Amino acid sequence: MDFKPSRDEQVRRPPLPVKIVIAGGFGVGKTTAVAQISDTPVLTTEAPITEVAAEIDRTGQVPDKTTTTVALDFGTVAIDDEVKLYLFGTPGQDRFGFMWQDLTEGALGALVIVDTRRLDDCYPAVDYFERAGLPFLVALNLFDGRLTHSLEDVRWALALNEDTPMVTFDARDRISVRDTLVALLSRSFAVASSATPQ
């Protein structure tokens, strides 16, 4: 007689690990987003901003920022019983750009965070993921609850094609970050499925 375990007795499979990169310019909210959503203590490499670094990194538009990521931020979040995200936040300064290739290795997708008050800081991240061919979603962080420019204007300014999703979100709000990551995950799975030979 064959024994078939009941549903309750079946061994639960571990969730699928999915690597996601969170990128963007200096001070756009990457560390905040990872800290808000992570189920585990966040590994962060925040360091105080020195006077020399403040001049190099153009901190004038974010005068309240006193620390900066010098390597990466890392956190995890279980989306459900089947998927667990491993979040890798990039440093935002140009001088740490050499780390991006290592941080994006094996990633399924990327979340590019944009501060619409400082669009110039967003171009390197958008350009990087377009060249890399990695699916990405552009998330406009609502600083002070306001959007400085419309979605259409930002799409035009960043020269994004219509296939690149754009959303607004608040990096300080866990639910908002979660919804944005779910949208990115949906986009990334769709791109991966369409690239898989049938």
N, C-alpha and C. Protein backbone atom coordinates (compact mmCIF):
# COMPACT_ATOMS: atom_id res chain seq x y z
N MET A 1 0.84 -1.18 0.00
CA MET A 1 0.00 0.00 0.00
C MET A 1 0.89 1.24 0.00
N ASP A 2 0.61 2.16 -0.93
CA ASP A 2 1.39 3.40 -1.01
C ASP A 2 0.95 4.35 0.08
N PHE A 3 1.94 4.95 0.69
CA PHE A 3 1.63 5.97 1.70
C PHE A 3 1.90 7.34 1.13
N LYS A 4 0.89 8.16 1.12
CA LYS A 4 1.04 9.53 0.64
C LYS A 4 0.82 10.47 1.82
N PRO A 5 1.83 11.27 2.17
CA PRO A 5 1.67 12.15 3.33
C PRO A 5 0.55 13.17 3.10
N SER A 6 -0.15 13.49 4.18
CA SER A 6 -1.19 14.51 4.08
C SER A 6 -0.53 15.86 3.83
N ARG A 7 -1.35 16.82 3.47
CA ARG A 7 -0.81 18.16 3.19
C ARG A 7 -0.06 18.71 4.40
N ASP A 8 -0.60 18.48 5.60
CA ASP A 8 0.04 18.98 6.82
C ASP A 8 1.37 18.29 7.09
N GLU A 9 1.48 17.04 6.62
CA GLU A 9 2.68 16.27 6.91
C GLU A 9 3.79 16.51 5.88
N GLN A 10 3.42 17.07 4.74
CA GLN A 10 4.43 17.31 3.72
C GLN A 10 5.48 18.29 4.23
N VAL A 11 6.71 18.01 3.84
CA VAL A 11 7.80 18.88 4.25
C VAL A 11 7.68 20.21 3.50
N ARG A 12 7.74 21.28 4.25
CA ARG A 12 7.64 22.60 3.64
C ARG A 12 8.93 22.96 2.95
N ARG A 13 8.82 23.44 1.73
CA ARG A 13 10.00 23.88 1.00
C ARG A 13 10.43 25.25 1.49
N PRO A 14 11.73 25.48 1.53
CA PRO A 14 12.17 26.83 1.91
C PRO A 14 11.75 27.81 0.83
N PRO A 15 11.56 29.09 1.18
CA PRO A 15 11.17 30.07 0.16
C PRO A 15 12.26 30.27 -0.88
N LEU A 16 11.83 30.65 -2.08
CA LEU A 16 12.75 30.94 -3.17
C LEU A 16 13.53 32.21 -2.83
N PRO A 17 14.89 32.14 -2.80
CA PRO A 17 15.67 33.35 -2.53
C PRO A 17 15.78 34.21 -3.79
N VAL A 18 15.45 35.47 -3.67
CA VAL A 18 15.49 36.39 -4.81
C VAL A 18 16.31 37.61 -4.41
N LYS A 19 17.34 37.89 -5.20
CA LYS A 19 18.20 39.05 -4.94
C LYS A 19 17.66 40.28 -5.66
N ILE A 20 17.50 41.36 -4.92
CA ILE A 20 17.01 42.63 -5.46
C ILE A 20 18.02 43.72 -5.08
N VAL A 21 18.33 44.59 -6.03
CA VAL A 21 19.23 45.71 -5.78
C VAL A 21 18.40 46.98 -5.61
N ILE A 22 18.74 47.77 -4.61
CA ILE A 22 18.10 49.06 -4.40
C ILE A 22 19.15 50.13 -4.65
N ALA A 23 18.91 50.94 -5.68
CA ALA A 23 19.93 51.88 -6.15
C ALA A 23 19.36 53.28 -6.29
N GLY A 24 20.25 54.22 -6.58
CA GLY A 24 19.85 55.61 -6.77
C GLY A 24 20.97 56.52 -6.33
N GLY A 25 20.75 57.81 -6.47
CA GLY A 25 21.75 58.80 -6.12
C GLY A 25 21.94 58.94 -4.62
N PHE A 26 22.82 59.83 -4.28
CA PHE A 26 23.16 60.13 -2.89
C PHE A 26 21.94 60.70 -2.15
N GLY A 27 21.59 60.12 -1.00
CA GLY A 27 20.55 60.66 -0.15
C GLY A 27 19.13 60.55 -0.67
N VAL A 28 18.85 59.56 -1.54
CA VAL A 28 17.48 59.46 -2.08
C VAL A 28 16.56 58.60 -1.23
N GLY A 29 17.12 57.83 -0.27
CA GLY A 29 16.27 57.03 0.62
C GLY A 29 16.51 55.53 0.54
N LYS A 30 17.64 55.12 0.01
CA LYS A 30 17.92 53.68 -0.13
C LYS A 30 18.05 52.99 1.23
N THR A 31 18.88 53.55 2.10
CA THR A 31 19.09 52.97 3.42
C THR A 31 17.79 52.98 4.21
N THR A 32 17.03 54.05 4.11
CA THR A 32 15.75 54.15 4.82
C THR A 32 14.78 53.07 4.35
N ALA A 33 14.70 52.85 3.03
CA ALA A 33 13.79 51.84 2.49
C ALA A 33 14.16 50.44 2.98
N VAL A 34 15.45 50.10 2.94
CA VAL A 34 15.88 48.78 3.40
C VAL A 34 15.57 48.62 4.89
N ALA A 35 15.84 49.65 5.68
CA ALA A 35 15.60 49.59 7.12
C ALA A 35 14.11 49.43 7.44
N GLN A 36 13.26 50.07 6.67
CA GLN A 36 11.81 50.01 6.94
C GLN A 36 11.22 48.63 6.65
N ILE A 37 11.74 47.94 5.63
CA ILE A 37 11.10 46.71 5.18
C ILE A 37 11.75 45.44 5.71
N SER A 38 13.00 45.51 6.13
CA SER A 38 13.73 44.28 6.46
C SER A 38 13.15 43.58 7.69
N ASP A 39 12.99 42.24 7.56
CA ASP A 39 12.53 41.41 8.68
C ASP A 39 13.67 41.09 9.64
N THR A 40 14.89 41.27 9.18
CA THR A 40 16.07 40.95 9.97
C THR A 40 16.84 42.24 10.25
N PRO A 41 17.69 42.25 11.27
CA PRO A 41 18.49 43.46 11.50
C PRO A 41 19.28 43.82 10.24
N VAL A 42 19.27 45.09 9.90
CA VAL A 42 19.93 45.54 8.67
C VAL A 42 21.43 45.65 8.87
N LEU A 43 22.15 45.09 7.91
CA LEU A 43 23.59 45.31 7.86
C LEU A 43 23.81 46.58 7.07
N THR A 44 24.40 47.56 7.68
CA THR A 44 24.62 48.83 6.99
C THR A 44 26.05 49.28 7.18
N THR A 45 26.52 50.03 6.21
CA THR A 45 27.90 50.55 6.28
C THR A 45 27.85 52.07 6.28
N GLU A 46 26.98 52.62 7.09
CA GLU A 46 26.85 54.07 7.21
C GLU A 46 28.08 54.63 7.95
N ALA A 47 28.60 55.71 7.42
CA ALA A 47 29.74 56.38 8.04
C ALA A 47 29.45 57.88 8.08
N PRO A 48 30.00 58.58 9.06
CA PRO A 48 29.79 60.03 9.11
C PRO A 48 30.34 60.72 7.86
N ILE A 49 29.65 61.75 7.43
CA ILE A 49 30.11 62.54 6.29
C ILE A 49 31.15 63.54 6.78
N THR A 50 32.33 63.46 6.22
CA THR A 50 33.39 64.40 6.59
C THR A 50 33.25 65.68 5.78
N GLU A 51 33.99 66.70 6.15
CA GLU A 51 33.96 67.96 5.39
C GLU A 51 34.42 67.76 3.96
N VAL A 52 35.45 66.94 3.78
CA VAL A 52 35.96 66.67 2.43
C VAL A 52 34.91 65.93 1.62
N ALA A 53 34.30 64.89 2.22
CA ALA A 53 33.28 64.11 1.52
C ALA A 53 32.07 64.98 1.18
N ALA A 54 31.72 65.91 2.05
CA ALA A 54 30.58 66.78 1.81
C ALA A 54 30.77 67.61 0.55
N GLU A 55 31.99 68.03 0.29
CA GLU A 55 32.27 68.80 -0.92
C GLU A 55 32.24 67.91 -2.16
N ILE A 56 32.78 66.70 -2.04
CA ILE A 56 32.82 65.78 -3.18
C ILE A 56 31.41 65.30 -3.53
N ASP A 57 30.62 64.97 -2.51
CA ASP A 57 29.31 64.36 -2.73
C ASP A 57 28.17 65.36 -2.89
N ARG A 58 28.47 66.62 -2.90
CA ARG A 58 27.46 67.66 -3.11
C ARG A 58 26.27 67.50 -2.16
N THR A 59 26.54 67.67 -0.89
CA THR A 59 25.50 67.47 0.12
C THR A 59 24.64 68.71 0.35
N GLY A 60 24.89 69.78 -0.37
CA GLY A 60 24.18 71.03 -0.15
C GLY A 60 22.67 70.93 -0.23
N GLN A 61 22.16 70.03 -1.09
CA GLN A 61 20.72 69.90 -1.24
C GLN A 61 20.10 68.96 -0.20
N VAL A 62 20.93 68.28 0.56
CA VAL A 62 20.44 67.42 1.65
C VAL A 62 21.22 67.76 2.92
N PRO A 63 21.06 68.99 3.42
CA PRO A 63 21.91 69.45 4.53
C PRO A 63 21.73 68.69 5.84
N ASP A 64 20.58 68.01 6.02
CA ASP A 64 20.35 67.28 7.27
C ASP A 64 21.01 65.90 7.27
N LYS A 65 21.53 65.49 6.15
CA LYS A 65 22.15 64.16 6.07
C LYS A 65 23.53 64.21 6.68
N THR A 66 23.77 63.39 7.70
CA THR A 66 25.05 63.41 8.41
C THR A 66 25.86 62.13 8.21
N THR A 67 25.23 61.09 7.63
CA THR A 67 25.94 59.84 7.37
C THR A 67 25.69 59.43 5.93
N THR A 68 26.52 58.51 5.45
CA THR A 68 26.37 58.02 4.08
C THR A 68 26.81 56.56 4.00
N THR A 69 26.21 55.82 3.06
CA THR A 69 26.58 54.42 2.84
C THR A 69 27.88 54.37 2.06
N VAL A 70 28.86 53.64 2.59
CA VAL A 70 30.16 53.57 1.93
C VAL A 70 30.42 52.22 1.27
N ALA A 71 29.53 51.25 1.46
CA ALA A 71 29.70 49.96 0.78
C ALA A 71 28.34 49.43 0.34
N LEU A 72 27.49 49.05 1.30
CA LEU A 72 26.18 48.52 0.96
C LEU A 72 25.29 48.51 2.19
N ASP A 73 23.99 48.34 1.92
CA ASP A 73 23.01 48.03 2.96
C ASP A 73 22.47 46.65 2.61
N PHE A 74 22.18 45.83 3.63
CA PHE A 74 21.66 44.50 3.36
C PHE A 74 20.54 44.18 4.33
N GLY A 75 19.44 43.69 3.79
CA GLY A 75 18.32 43.25 4.61
C GLY A 75 17.56 42.17 3.88
N THR A 76 16.63 41.51 4.58
CA THR A 76 15.82 40.47 3.96
C THR A 76 14.36 40.70 4.33
N VAL A 77 13.48 40.23 3.44
CA VAL A 77 12.05 40.30 3.74
C VAL A 77 11.34 39.15 3.04
N ALA A 78 10.50 38.44 3.79
CA ALA A 78 9.69 37.37 3.22
C ALA A 78 8.43 38.00 2.63
N ILE A 79 8.27 37.87 1.32
CA ILE A 79 7.08 38.40 0.66
C ILE A 79 5.88 37.52 0.99
N ASP A 80 6.10 36.21 1.00
CA ASP A 80 5.09 35.23 1.41
C ASP A 80 5.84 33.95 1.74
N ASP A 81 5.13 32.79 1.81
CA ASP A 81 5.79 31.53 2.14
C ASP A 81 6.69 31.04 1.03
N GLU A 82 6.54 31.61 -0.18
CA GLU A 82 7.26 31.09 -1.34
C GLU A 82 8.45 31.93 -1.78
N VAL A 83 8.47 33.21 -1.42
CA VAL A 83 9.52 34.11 -1.92
C VAL A 83 10.13 34.91 -0.77
N LYS A 84 11.45 34.91 -0.70
CA LYS A 84 12.17 35.74 0.27
C LYS A 84 13.14 36.64 -0.49
N LEU A 85 13.03 37.93 -0.27
CA LEU A 85 13.89 38.88 -0.96
C LEU A 85 15.15 39.16 -0.14
N TYR A 86 16.26 39.20 -0.84
CA TYR A 86 17.55 39.60 -0.27
C TYR A 86 17.87 40.96 -0.88
N LEU A 87 17.83 41.99 -0.08
CA LEU A 87 17.95 43.37 -0.55
C LEU A 87 19.37 43.89 -0.40
N PHE A 88 19.92 44.39 -1.49
CA PHE A 88 21.26 44.95 -1.49
C PHE A 88 21.18 46.41 -1.91
N GLY A 89 21.39 47.32 -0.97
CA GLY A 89 21.38 48.74 -1.27
C GLY A 89 22.76 49.21 -1.67
N THR A 90 22.83 49.92 -2.79
CA THR A 90 24.12 50.40 -3.29
C THR A 90 24.49 51.73 -2.64
N PRO A 91 25.78 52.06 -2.63
CA PRO A 91 26.16 53.42 -2.24
C PRO A 91 25.76 54.36 -3.38
N GLY A 92 25.40 55.59 -3.04
CA GLY A 92 24.90 56.51 -4.05
C GLY A 92 25.93 57.41 -4.69
N GLN A 93 27.11 57.50 -4.11
CA GLN A 93 28.12 58.43 -4.63
C GLN A 93 28.83 57.83 -5.85
N ASP A 94 29.15 58.70 -6.79
CA ASP A 94 29.85 58.27 -8.00
C ASP A 94 31.15 57.55 -7.68
N ARG A 95 31.85 58.01 -6.64
CA ARG A 95 33.17 57.43 -6.34
C ARG A 95 33.09 55.98 -5.87
N PHE A 96 31.88 55.50 -5.51
CA PHE A 96 31.72 54.10 -5.11
C PHE A 96 31.06 53.27 -6.22
N GLY A 97 30.97 53.83 -7.40
CA GLY A 97 30.31 53.15 -8.52
C GLY A 97 30.96 51.84 -8.91
N PHE A 98 32.24 51.68 -8.61
CA PHE A 98 32.94 50.44 -8.97
C PHE A 98 32.35 49.22 -8.26
N MET A 99 31.59 49.42 -7.19
CA MET A 99 31.00 48.30 -6.44
C MET A 99 29.72 47.76 -7.07
N TRP A 100 29.11 48.54 -7.94
CA TRP A 100 27.80 48.18 -8.44
C TRP A 100 27.78 46.85 -9.17
N GLN A 101 28.80 46.55 -9.96
CA GLN A 101 28.81 45.30 -10.71
C GLN A 101 28.74 44.10 -9.77
N ASP A 102 29.54 44.13 -8.71
CA ASP A 102 29.51 43.03 -7.74
C ASP A 102 28.16 42.95 -7.03
N LEU A 103 27.60 44.10 -6.67
CA LEU A 103 26.33 44.10 -5.94
C LEU A 103 25.16 43.63 -6.80
N THR A 104 25.23 43.83 -8.11
CA THR A 104 24.12 43.44 -8.98
C THR A 104 24.27 42.02 -9.53
N GLU A 105 25.41 41.40 -9.32
CA GLU A 105 25.63 40.03 -9.81
C GLU A 105 24.54 39.09 -9.27
N GLY A 106 23.81 38.44 -10.17
CA GLY A 106 22.79 37.48 -9.77
C GLY A 106 21.46 38.08 -9.35
N ALA A 107 21.29 39.37 -9.49
CA ALA A 107 20.03 40.02 -9.09
C ALA A 107 18.94 39.75 -10.12
N LEU A 108 17.71 39.62 -9.66
CA LEU A 108 16.56 39.43 -10.56
C LEU A 108 16.03 40.77 -11.05
N GLY A 109 16.22 41.83 -10.25
CA GLY A 109 15.72 43.15 -10.64
C GLY A 109 16.29 44.23 -9.74
N ALA A 110 15.98 45.47 -10.09
CA ALA A 110 16.50 46.61 -9.32
C ALA A 110 15.40 47.65 -9.11
N LEU A 111 15.43 48.25 -7.95
CA LEU A 111 14.56 49.37 -7.62
C LEU A 111 15.43 50.62 -7.65
N VAL A 112 15.12 51.54 -8.56
CA VAL A 112 15.86 52.79 -8.67
C VAL A 112 15.05 53.88 -7.99
N ILE A 113 15.56 54.39 -6.87
CA ILE A 113 14.85 55.43 -6.12
C ILE A 113 15.28 56.80 -6.62
N VAL A 114 14.29 57.65 -6.82
CA VAL A 114 14.52 58.97 -7.39
C VAL A 114 13.99 60.05 -6.44
N ASP A 115 14.80 61.08 -6.24
CA ASP A 115 14.37 62.29 -5.54
C ASP A 115 14.10 63.32 -6.64
N THR A 116 12.84 63.66 -6.86
CA THR A 116 12.50 64.54 -7.99
C THR A 116 13.04 65.96 -7.81
N ARG A 117 13.52 66.30 -6.61
CA ARG A 117 14.14 67.61 -6.41
C ARG A 117 15.55 67.63 -6.98
N ARG A 118 16.12 66.43 -7.23
CA ARG A 118 17.52 66.32 -7.69
C ARG A 118 17.61 65.26 -8.79
N LEU A 119 16.95 65.52 -9.90
CA LEU A 119 16.91 64.52 -10.97
C LEU A 119 18.29 64.19 -11.54
N ASP A 120 19.20 65.16 -11.52
CA ASP A 120 20.54 64.91 -12.06
C ASP A 120 21.23 63.73 -11.38
N ASP A 121 20.91 63.50 -10.11
CA ASP A 121 21.55 62.42 -9.37
C ASP A 121 21.02 61.04 -9.77
N CYS A 122 19.95 61.01 -10.56
CA CYS A 122 19.30 59.74 -10.90
C CYS A 122 19.81 59.13 -12.20
N TYR A 123 20.38 59.94 -13.07
CA TYR A 123 20.78 59.44 -14.39
C TYR A 123 21.75 58.26 -14.33
N PRO A 124 22.78 58.29 -13.48
CA PRO A 124 23.73 57.16 -13.49
C PRO A 124 23.06 55.82 -13.19
N ALA A 125 22.12 55.78 -12.24
CA ALA A 125 21.46 54.51 -11.90
C ALA A 125 20.59 54.02 -13.05
N VAL A 126 19.80 54.91 -13.64
CA VAL A 126 18.95 54.53 -14.76
C VAL A 126 19.81 54.03 -15.92
N ASP A 127 20.87 54.77 -16.25
CA ASP A 127 21.76 54.37 -17.33
C ASP A 127 22.40 53.02 -17.06
N TYR A 128 22.81 52.80 -15.81
CA TYR A 128 23.48 51.55 -15.46
C TYR A 128 22.58 50.35 -15.73
N PHE A 129 21.33 50.41 -15.25
CA PHE A 129 20.45 49.25 -15.39
C PHE A 129 19.92 49.08 -16.81
N GLU A 130 19.80 50.18 -17.55
CA GLU A 130 19.45 50.05 -18.96
C GLU A 130 20.57 49.32 -19.72
N ARG A 131 21.82 49.70 -19.45
CA ARG A 131 22.96 49.05 -20.12
C ARG A 131 23.10 47.60 -19.68
N ALA A 132 22.86 47.33 -18.40
CA ALA A 132 23.01 45.98 -17.87
C ALA A 132 21.89 45.05 -18.33
N GLY A 133 20.77 45.62 -18.78
CA GLY A 133 19.65 44.79 -19.22
C GLY A 133 18.90 44.15 -18.06
N LEU A 134 19.06 44.69 -16.86
CA LEU A 134 18.39 44.15 -15.68
C LEU A 134 17.04 44.84 -15.52
N PRO A 135 15.94 44.09 -15.37
CA PRO A 135 14.64 44.73 -15.18
C PRO A 135 14.68 45.67 -13.96
N PHE A 136 14.12 46.87 -14.12
CA PHE A 136 14.10 47.79 -13.00
C PHE A 136 12.80 48.58 -12.99
N LEU A 137 12.52 49.12 -11.84
CA LEU A 137 11.35 49.96 -11.62
C LEU A 137 11.85 51.26 -11.02
N VAL A 138 11.30 52.38 -11.47
CA VAL A 138 11.68 53.68 -10.94
C VAL A 138 10.65 54.11 -9.90
N ALA A 139 11.11 54.38 -8.68
CA ALA A 139 10.23 54.77 -7.58
C ALA A 139 10.56 56.20 -7.15
N LEU A 140 9.60 57.08 -7.29
CA LEU A 140 9.79 58.48 -6.89
C LEU A 140 9.47 58.61 -5.41
N ASN A 141 10.49 58.93 -4.63
CA ASN A 141 10.32 59.04 -3.19
C ASN A 141 9.63 60.36 -2.84
N LEU A 142 8.57 60.26 -2.08
CA LEU A 142 7.77 61.45 -1.73
C LEU A 142 8.35 62.13 -0.50
N PHE A 143 9.37 62.91 -0.70
CA PHE A 143 9.95 63.68 0.40
C PHE A 143 8.93 64.73 0.84
N ASP A 144 8.70 64.83 2.13
CA ASP A 144 7.71 65.77 2.69
C ASP A 144 6.32 65.53 2.12
N GLY A 145 6.07 64.29 1.64
CA GLY A 145 4.75 63.95 1.12
C GLY A 145 4.40 64.62 -0.19
N ARG A 146 5.40 65.22 -0.86
CA ARG A 146 5.11 65.96 -2.10
C ARG A 146 5.89 65.39 -3.27
N LEU A 147 5.29 65.52 -4.45
CA LEU A 147 5.96 65.16 -5.70
C LEU A 147 6.28 66.45 -6.43
N THR A 148 7.56 66.73 -6.61
CA THR A 148 7.98 68.00 -7.20
C THR A 148 7.64 68.10 -8.68
N HIS A 149 7.67 66.95 -9.38
CA HIS A 149 7.35 66.92 -10.81
C HIS A 149 6.38 65.77 -11.07
N SER A 150 5.60 65.86 -12.13
CA SER A 150 4.65 64.79 -12.46
C SER A 150 5.40 63.56 -12.97
N LEU A 151 4.72 62.40 -12.93
CA LEU A 151 5.32 61.17 -13.44
C LEU A 151 5.71 61.32 -14.91
N GLU A 152 4.84 61.96 -15.69
CA GLU A 152 5.11 62.13 -17.12
C GLU A 152 6.36 62.99 -17.34
N ASP A 153 6.49 64.06 -16.55
CA ASP A 153 7.66 64.93 -16.69
C ASP A 153 8.94 64.21 -16.30
N VAL A 154 8.87 63.39 -15.25
CA VAL A 154 10.05 62.64 -14.82
C VAL A 154 10.42 61.60 -15.87
N ARG A 155 9.42 60.91 -16.41
CA ARG A 155 9.69 59.92 -17.46
C ARG A 155 10.41 60.58 -18.65
N TRP A 156 9.92 61.76 -19.03
CA TRP A 156 10.54 62.48 -20.14
C TRP A 156 11.97 62.90 -19.78
N ALA A 157 12.15 63.45 -18.58
CA ALA A 157 13.47 63.95 -18.17
C ALA A 157 14.50 62.82 -18.08
N LEU A 158 14.06 61.63 -17.65
CA LEU A 158 14.98 60.50 -17.52
C LEU A 158 15.06 59.67 -18.81
N ALA A 159 14.29 60.08 -19.83
CA ALA A 159 14.26 59.38 -21.12
C ALA A 159 13.93 57.90 -20.95
N LEU A 160 12.94 57.62 -20.08
CA LEU A 160 12.53 56.24 -19.84
C LEU A 160 11.55 55.80 -20.91
N ASN A 161 11.69 54.56 -21.38
CA ASN A 161 10.70 54.07 -22.33
C ASN A 161 9.42 53.70 -21.59
N GLU A 162 8.36 53.50 -22.35
CA GLU A 162 7.05 53.25 -21.75
C GLU A 162 6.97 51.92 -21.01
N ASP A 163 7.90 51.01 -21.30
CA ASP A 163 7.89 49.70 -20.65
C ASP A 163 8.45 49.74 -19.23
N THR A 164 9.16 50.81 -18.89
CA THR A 164 9.76 50.91 -17.55
C THR A 164 8.72 51.42 -16.57
N PRO A 165 8.33 50.60 -15.58
CA PRO A 165 7.31 51.04 -14.62
C PRO A 165 7.83 52.17 -13.74
N MET A 166 6.91 53.07 -13.39
CA MET A 166 7.21 54.16 -12.45
C MET A 166 6.11 54.20 -11.40
N VAL A 167 6.51 54.41 -10.16
CA VAL A 167 5.54 54.53 -9.07
C VAL A 167 5.99 55.65 -8.14
N THR A 168 5.10 56.11 -7.31
CA THR A 168 5.48 56.99 -6.19
C THR A 168 5.42 56.14 -4.93
N PHE A 169 6.29 56.45 -3.98
CA PHE A 169 6.28 55.72 -2.72
C PHE A 169 6.93 56.57 -1.64
N ASP A 170 6.82 56.10 -0.41
CA ASP A 170 7.45 56.78 0.72
C ASP A 170 8.41 55.80 1.37
N ALA A 171 9.70 56.06 1.28
CA ALA A 171 10.72 55.15 1.80
C ALA A 171 10.63 54.97 3.31
N ARG A 172 9.90 55.86 3.99
CA ARG A 172 9.77 55.76 5.45
C ARG A 172 8.60 54.89 5.88
N ASP A 173 7.80 54.44 4.91
CA ASP A 173 6.58 53.69 5.20
C ASP A 173 6.72 52.24 4.75
N ARG A 174 6.65 51.31 5.70
CA ARG A 174 6.87 49.89 5.40
C ARG A 174 5.90 49.36 4.33
N ILE A 175 4.63 49.70 4.44
CA ILE A 175 3.64 49.21 3.47
C ILE A 175 3.94 49.75 2.08
N SER A 176 4.31 51.02 2.01
CA SER A 176 4.64 51.63 0.72
C SER A 176 5.85 50.96 0.09
N VAL A 177 6.87 50.68 0.89
CA VAL A 177 8.06 49.99 0.38
C VAL A 177 7.69 48.58 -0.07
N ARG A 178 6.89 47.89 0.74
CA ARG A 178 6.47 46.53 0.38
C ARG A 178 5.74 46.50 -0.96
N ASP A 179 4.77 47.41 -1.13
CA ASP A 179 4.00 47.44 -2.38
C ASP A 179 4.90 47.72 -3.58
N THR A 180 5.89 48.58 -3.39
CA THR A 180 6.82 48.90 -4.47
C THR A 180 7.68 47.69 -4.83
N LEU A 181 8.15 46.96 -3.82
CA LEU A 181 8.94 45.76 -4.08
C LEU A 181 8.11 44.67 -4.76
N VAL A 182 6.85 44.54 -4.38
CA VAL A 182 5.97 43.56 -5.03
C VAL A 182 5.78 43.92 -6.50
N ALA A 183 5.62 45.21 -6.81
CA ALA A 183 5.49 45.64 -8.20
C ALA A 183 6.77 45.32 -8.99
N LEU A 184 7.93 45.55 -8.36
CA LEU A 184 9.20 45.23 -9.01
C LEU A 184 9.32 43.73 -9.23
N LEU A 185 8.94 42.94 -8.24
CA LEU A 185 9.01 41.49 -8.34
C LEU A 185 8.13 40.98 -9.48
N SER A 186 6.94 41.53 -9.59
CA SER A 186 6.03 41.15 -10.66
C SER A 186 6.65 41.46 -12.02
N ARG A 187 7.22 42.63 -12.14
CA ARG A 187 7.89 43.04 -13.39
C ARG A 187 9.07 42.11 -13.70
N SER A 188 9.89 41.82 -12.70
CA SER A 188 11.08 41.00 -12.91
C SER A 188 10.71 39.57 -13.30
N PHE A 189 9.70 39.00 -12.64
CA PHE A 189 9.26 37.64 -12.98
C PHE A 189 8.69 37.60 -14.40
N ALA A 190 7.96 38.64 -14.78
CA ALA A 190 7.38 38.70 -16.14
C ALA A 190 8.49 38.74 -17.19
N VAL A 191 9.52 39.56 -16.94
CA VAL A 191 10.63 39.65 -17.89
C VAL A 191 11.38 38.32 -17.95
N ALA A 192 11.60 37.70 -16.79
CA ALA A 192 12.31 36.42 -16.77
C ALA A 192 11.52 35.33 -17.49
N SER A 193 10.20 35.33 -17.32
CA SER A 193 9.35 34.32 -17.98
C SER A 193 9.35 34.50 -19.49
N SER A 194 9.32 35.75 -19.94
CA SER A 194 9.30 35.98 -21.38
C SER A 194 10.64 35.65 -22.04
N ALA A 195 11.71 35.64 -21.25
CA ALA A 195 13.03 35.33 -21.79
C ALA A 195 13.32 33.83 -21.77
N THR A 196 12.49 33.06 -21.05
CA THR A 196 12.69 31.62 -20.94
C THR A 196 12.13 30.92 -22.17
N PRO A 197 12.93 30.08 -22.87
CA PRO A 197 12.42 29.38 -24.05
C PRO A 197 11.27 28.45 -23.66
N GLN A 198 10.24 28.44 -24.48
CA GLN A 198 9.06 27.59 -24.21
C GLN A 198 9.29 26.19 -24.73
